[in-house]
């Protein structure tokens, strides 16, 4: 009796048949807490160079058709507009999750994030709340500055050695 082929093996064969050698997909980012990772697409060129992107598509069987369609869209953009894989992914945001995916909401801006976060602080001591509100306000001010911060160091967040009291990861 022949063993049943996994959905991603079938998808890999479809990609190879449709696009030829040099295209591969893998799961990336799966953890015990989050067992479903994202799909990483790698393009291997004849000269041995590689380019990879992480597509905003979950690595699951129900997304196999979307993954195949996205690979096709990216390849078309790369060939027609002479783009790199990363640039094609940026340009193809609508097909790659530019809108909300199932269970997600549109990003309403940092002020809305702030309001939702502050609502979650109910039940904390007033001094803890006040400290967190100050940090949120400072962070929002830093995000409005130009050039925009790209990490915690340029945002001006303090460095902590060890675990922060009261926060559990």
C-alpha atoms as a PDB file:
ATOM      1  CA  UNK A   1       0.000   0.000   0.000  1.00  0.00           C
ATOM      2  CA  UNK A   2       1.430   3.392  -0.998  1.00  0.00           C
ATOM      3  CA  UNK A   3       1.956   5.953   1.732  1.00  0.00           C
ATOM      4  CA  UNK A   4      -0.166   9.058   1.612  1.00  0.00           C
ATOM      5  CA  UNK A   5       1.680  12.149   0.424  1.00  0.00           C
ATOM      6  CA  UNK A   6       1.695  15.207   2.705  1.00  0.00           C
ATOM      7  CA  UNK A   7      -0.083  18.325   1.381  1.00  0.00           C
ATOM      8  CA  UNK A   8       3.162  20.308   1.214  1.00  0.00           C
ATOM      9  CA  UNK A   9       4.905  17.589  -0.802  1.00  0.00           C
ATOM     10  CA  UNK A  10       2.117  17.800  -3.370  1.00  0.00           C
ATOM     11  CA  UNK A  11       2.400  21.601  -3.319  1.00  0.00           C
ATOM     12  CA  UNK A  12       6.170  21.435  -3.858  1.00  0.00           C
ATOM     13  CA  UNK A  13       5.646  19.157  -6.850  1.00  0.00           C
ATOM     14  CA  UNK A  14       3.063  21.571  -8.262  1.00  0.00           C
ATOM     15  CA  UNK A  15       5.453  24.499  -7.864  1.00  0.00           C
ATOM     16  CA  UNK A  16       8.247  22.566  -9.556  1.00  0.00           C
ATOM     17  CA  UNK A  17       5.986  21.523 -12.436  1.00  0.00           C
ATOM     18  CA  UNK A  18       4.624  25.034 -12.941  1.00  0.00           C
ATOM     19  CA  UNK A  19       7.788  27.090 -12.342  1.00  0.00           C
ATOM     20  CA  UNK A  20      10.666  24.672 -12.851  1.00  0.00           C
ATOM     21  CA  UNK A  21      13.625  24.046 -10.576  1.00  0.00           C
ATOM     22  CA  UNK A  22      14.890  26.745  -8.302  1.00  0.00           C
ATOM     23  CA  UNK A  23      11.706  27.453  -6.333  1.00  0.00           C
ATOM     24  CA  UNK A  24      11.137  25.947  -2.901  1.00  0.00           C
ATOM     25  CA  UNK A  25       8.850  26.471   0.072  1.00  0.00           C
ATOM     26  CA  UNK A  26       9.310  25.610   3.728  1.00  0.00           C
ATOM     27  CA  UNK A  27       7.649  26.221   7.039  1.00  0.00           C
ATOM     28  CA  UNK A  28       9.311  28.782   9.278  1.00  0.00           C
ATOM     29  CA  UNK A  29       8.505  30.120  12.728  1.00  0.00           C
ATOM     30  CA  UNK A  30       6.525  27.229  14.198  1.00  0.00           C
ATOM     31  CA  UNK A  31       6.913  26.843  17.959  1.00  0.00           C
ATOM     32  CA  UNK A  32       5.290  24.798  20.694  1.00  0.00           C
ATOM     33  CA  UNK A  33       3.107  27.793  21.568  1.00  0.00           C
ATOM     34  CA  UNK A  34       2.278  28.543  17.947  1.00  0.00           C
ATOM     35  CA  UNK A  35       2.428  25.250  16.035  1.00  0.00           C
ATOM     36  CA  UNK A  36       1.469  26.835  12.704  1.00  0.00           C
ATOM     37  CA  UNK A  37       4.310  28.767  11.132  1.00  0.00           C
ATOM     38  CA  UNK A  38       4.545  30.905   8.017  1.00  0.00           C
ATOM     39  CA  UNK A  39       5.573  29.970   4.512  1.00  0.00           C
ATOM     40  CA  UNK A  40       9.127  30.803   3.399  1.00  0.00           C
ATOM     41  CA  UNK A  41       9.727  30.984  -0.342  1.00  0.00           C
ATOM     42  CA  UNK A  42      13.270  30.591  -1.659  1.00  0.00           C
ATOM     43  CA  UNK A  43      14.425  31.266  -5.213  1.00  0.00           C
ATOM     44  CA  UNK A  44      17.699  29.567  -6.144  1.00  0.00           C
ATOM     45  CA  UNK A  45      19.387  30.981  -9.233  1.00  0.00           C
ATOM     46  CA  UNK A  46      21.586  29.123 -11.701  1.00  0.00           C
ATOM     47  CA  UNK A  47      24.711  30.916 -10.434  1.00  0.00           C
ATOM     48  CA  UNK A  48      24.103  29.537  -6.924  1.00  0.00           C
ATOM     49  CA  UNK A  49      22.720  32.753  -5.440  1.00  0.00           C
ATOM     50  CA  UNK A  50      19.582  32.545  -3.306  1.00  0.00           C
ATOM     51  CA  UNK A  51      16.852  34.907  -2.258  1.00  0.00           C
ATOM     52  CA  UNK A  52      14.208  34.165   0.375  1.00  0.00           C
ATOM     53  CA  UNK A  53      11.098  35.868   1.704  1.00  0.00           C
ATOM     54  CA  UNK A  54       8.594  34.956   4.383  1.00  0.00           C
ATOM     55  CA  UNK A  55       5.127  35.213   2.923  1.00  0.00           C
ATOM     56  CA  UNK A  56       2.300  36.324   5.216  1.00  0.00           C
ATOM     57  CA  UNK A  57       0.519  33.021   4.675  1.00  0.00           C
ATOM     58  CA  UNK A  58       0.176  30.385   7.341  1.00  0.00           C
ATOM     59  CA  UNK A  59       1.730  27.010   6.660  1.00  0.00           C
ATOM     60  CA  UNK A  60      -1.391  24.866   6.530  1.00  0.00           C
ATOM     61  CA  UNK A  61      -3.159  22.677   3.997  1.00  0.00           C
ATOM     62  CA  UNK A  62      -6.055  25.091   3.527  1.00  0.00           C
ATOM     63  CA  UNK A  63      -3.580  27.705   2.251  1.00  0.00           C
ATOM     64  CA  UNK A  64      -1.963  25.449  -0.374  1.00  0.00           C
ATOM     65  CA  UNK A  65      -3.856  27.071  -3.256  1.00  0.00           C
ATOM     66  CA  UNK A  66      -3.086  30.571  -1.963  1.00  0.00           C
ATOM     67  CA  UNK A  67       0.606  29.690  -1.612  1.00  0.00           C
ATOM     68  CA  UNK A  68       0.739  28.345  -5.172  1.00  0.00           C
ATOM     69  CA  UNK A  69      -1.072  31.426  -6.508  1.00  0.00           C
ATOM     70  CA  UNK A  70       1.264  33.743  -4.608  1.00  0.00           C
ATOM     71  CA  UNK A  71       4.357  32.038  -5.997  1.00  0.00           C
ATOM     72  CA  UNK A  72       2.912  32.510  -9.491  1.00  0.00           C
ATOM     73  CA  UNK A  73       2.167  36.193  -8.838  1.00  0.00           C
ATOM     74  CA  UNK A  74       5.641  36.830  -7.463  1.00  0.00           C
ATOM     75  CA  UNK A  75       7.329  35.096 -10.377  1.00  0.00           C
ATOM     76  CA  UNK A  76       5.252  37.107 -12.852  1.00  0.00           C
ATOM     77  CA  UNK A  77       6.165  40.382 -11.123  1.00  0.00           C
ATOM     78  CA  UNK A  78       9.834  39.407 -11.052  1.00  0.00           C
ATOM     79  CA  UNK A  79       9.912  38.580 -14.753  1.00  0.00           C
ATOM     80  CA  UNK A  80       7.687  41.376 -16.093  1.00  0.00           C
ATOM     81  CA  UNK A  81       9.099  44.204 -13.999  1.00  0.00           C
ATOM     82  CA  UNK A  82      12.615  42.850 -13.452  1.00  0.00           C
ATOM     83  CA  UNK A  83      12.172  42.931  -9.674  1.00  0.00           C
ATOM     84  CA  UNK A  84      13.957  41.048  -6.930  1.00  0.00           C
ATOM     85  CA  UNK A  85      11.940  38.521  -4.936  1.00  0.00           C
ATOM     86  CA  UNK A  86      11.787  40.891  -1.950  1.00  0.00           C
ATOM     87  CA  UNK A  87      10.614  43.812  -4.090  1.00  0.00           C
ATOM     88  CA  UNK A  88       7.986  41.626  -5.751  1.00  0.00           C
ATOM     89  CA  UNK A  89       6.710  40.600  -2.320  1.00  0.00           C
ATOM     90  CA  UNK A  90       6.447  44.248  -1.234  1.00  0.00           C
ATOM     91  CA  UNK A  91       4.586  45.157  -4.414  1.00  0.00           C
ATOM     92  CA  UNK A  92       2.218  42.229  -4.069  1.00  0.00           C
ATOM     93  CA  UNK A  93       0.914  43.184  -0.625  1.00  0.00           C
ATOM     94  CA  UNK A  94      -2.760  42.941  -1.513  1.00  0.00           C
ATOM     95  CA  UNK A  95      -2.508  39.288  -2.493  1.00  0.00           C
ATOM     96  CA  UNK A  96      -0.167  38.565   0.389  1.00  0.00           C
ATOM     97  CA  UNK A  97      -2.322  39.785   3.236  1.00  0.00           C
ATOM     98  CA  UNK A  98      -2.455  43.546   2.785  1.00  0.00           C
ATOM     99  CA  UNK A  99      -6.014  43.313   4.038  1.00  0.00           C
ATOM    100  CA  UNK A 100      -7.069  41.537   7.181  1.00  0.00           C
ATOM    101  CA  UNK A 101      -6.779  37.763   7.223  1.00  0.00           C
ATOM    102  CA  UNK A 102      -9.314  35.552   8.892  1.00  0.00           C
ATOM    103  CA  UNK A 103      -9.668  36.558  12.535  1.00  0.00           C
ATOM    104  CA  UNK A 104      -7.631  39.755  12.118  1.00  0.00           C
ATOM    105  CA  UNK A 105      -8.757  43.364  12.092  1.00  0.00           C
ATOM    106  CA  UNK A 106      -7.542  46.239   9.918  1.00  0.00           C
ATOM    107  CA  UNK A 107      -4.759  48.241  11.556  1.00  0.00           C
ATOM    108  CA  UNK A 108      -6.519  51.345  12.843  1.00  0.00           C
ATOM    109  CA  UNK A 109      -3.353  53.223  13.835  1.00  0.00           C
ATOM    110  CA  UNK A 110      -1.185  53.571  16.903  1.00  0.00           C
ATOM    111  CA  UNK A 111      -3.736  55.655  18.792  1.00  0.00           C
ATOM    112  CA  UNK A 112      -6.247  52.807  18.545  1.00  0.00           C
ATOM    113  CA  UNK A 113      -3.567  50.351  19.719  1.00  0.00           C
ATOM    114  CA  UNK A 114      -2.845  52.655  22.643  1.00  0.00           C
ATOM    115  CA  UNK A 115      -6.544  52.817  23.601  1.00  0.00           C
ATOM    116  CA  UNK A 116      -6.929  49.019  23.458  1.00  0.00           C
ATOM    117  CA  UNK A 117      -3.786  48.583  25.538  1.00  0.00           C
ATOM    118  CA  UNK A 118      -4.874  51.105  28.143  1.00  0.00           C
ATOM    119  CA  UNK A 119      -8.227  49.355  28.470  1.00  0.00           C
ATOM    120  CA  UNK A 120      -6.324  46.154  29.254  1.00  0.00           C
ATOM    121  CA  UNK A 121      -4.679  47.824  32.262  1.00  0.00           C
ATOM    122  CA  UNK A 122      -7.817  47.699  34.395  1.00  0.00           C
ATOM    123  CA  UNK A 123      -7.061  46.046  37.705  1.00  0.00           C
ATOM    124  CA  UNK A 124      -3.455  47.268  37.956  1.00  0.00           C
ATOM    125  CA  UNK A 125      -2.244  49.573  40.708  1.00  0.00           C
ATOM    126  CA  UNK A 126      -2.446  53.263  39.855  1.00  0.00           C
ATOM    127  CA  UNK A 127       1.340  53.690  40.066  1.00  0.00           C
ATOM    128  CA  UNK A 128       1.881  50.810  37.627  1.00  0.00           C
ATOM    129  CA  UNK A 129      -0.750  52.212  35.281  1.00  0.00           C
ATOM    130  CA  UNK A 130       0.787  55.683  35.417  1.00  0.00           C
ATOM    131  CA  UNK A 131       4.243  54.281  34.559  1.00  0.00           C
ATOM    132  CA  UNK A 132       2.893  52.273  31.620  1.00  0.00           C
ATOM    133  CA  UNK A 133       0.872  55.233  30.307  1.00  0.00           C
ATOM    134  CA  UNK A 134       4.025  57.389  30.397  1.00  0.00           C
ATOM    135  CA  UNK A 135       5.965  54.761  28.454  1.00  0.00           C
ATOM    136  CA  UNK A 136       3.203  54.404  25.869  1.00  0.00           C
ATOM    137  CA  UNK A 137       3.010  58.194  25.387  1.00  0.00           C
ATOM    138  CA  UNK A 138       6.794  58.442  24.966  1.00  0.00           C
ATOM    139  CA  UNK A 139       6.796  55.555  22.518  1.00  0.00           C
ATOM    140  CA  UNK A 140       4.061  57.149  20.397  1.00  0.00           C
ATOM    141  CA  UNK A 141       5.989  60.443  20.339  1.00  0.00           C
ATOM    142  CA  UNK A 142       9.140  58.607  19.231  1.00  0.00           C
ATOM    143  CA  UNK A 143       7.198  56.793  16.491  1.00  0.00           C
ATOM    144  CA  UNK A 144       6.064  60.169  15.109  1.00  0.00           C
ATOM    145  CA  UNK A 145       9.661  61.424  14.835  1.00  0.00           C
ATOM    146  CA  UNK A 146      11.653  61.290  11.610  1.00  0.00           C
ATOM    147  CA  UNK A 147      13.479  59.139  10.830  1.00  0.00           C
ATOM    148  CA  UNK A 148      11.200  56.535  12.334  1.00  0.00           C
ATOM    149  CA  UNK A 149      12.840  54.240  14.885  1.00  0.00           C
ATOM    150  CA  UNK A 150      13.582  50.731  13.623  1.00  0.00           C
ATOM    151  CA  UNK A 151      14.336  48.928  16.904  1.00  0.00           C
ATOM    152  CA  UNK A 152      14.222  49.338  20.669  1.00  0.00           C
ATOM    153  CA  UNK A 153      17.588  51.108  20.793  1.00  0.00           C
ATOM    154  CA  UNK A 154      16.573  53.870  18.374  1.00  0.00           C
ATOM    155  CA  UNK A 155      13.156  54.067  20.022  1.00  0.00           C
ATOM    156  CA  UNK A 156      14.885  54.894  23.285  1.00  0.00           C
ATOM    157  CA  UNK A 157      13.565  51.958  25.279  1.00  0.00           C
ATOM    158  CA  UNK A 158      15.641  51.085  28.346  1.00  0.00           C
ATOM    159  CA  UNK A 159      17.721  47.944  28.319  1.00  0.00           C
ATOM    160  CA  UNK A 160      16.973  45.405  30.995  1.00  0.00           C
ATOM    161  CA  UNK A 161      19.361  42.841  32.360  1.00  0.00           C
ATOM    162  CA  UNK A 162      17.340  39.814  33.245  1.00  0.00           C
ATOM    163  CA  UNK A 163      13.606  39.514  33.654  1.00  0.00           C
ATOM    164  CA  UNK A 164      11.498  42.606  34.281  1.00  0.00           C
ATOM    165  CA  UNK A 165       9.642  42.485  37.574  1.00  0.00           C
ATOM    166  CA  UNK A 166       5.946  41.880  37.081  1.00  0.00           C
ATOM    167  CA  UNK A 167       6.231  40.746  33.470  1.00  0.00           C
ATOM    168  CA  UNK A 168       6.178  37.070  32.703  1.00  0.00           C
ATOM    169  CA  UNK A 169       7.103  35.627  29.295  1.00  0.00           C
END
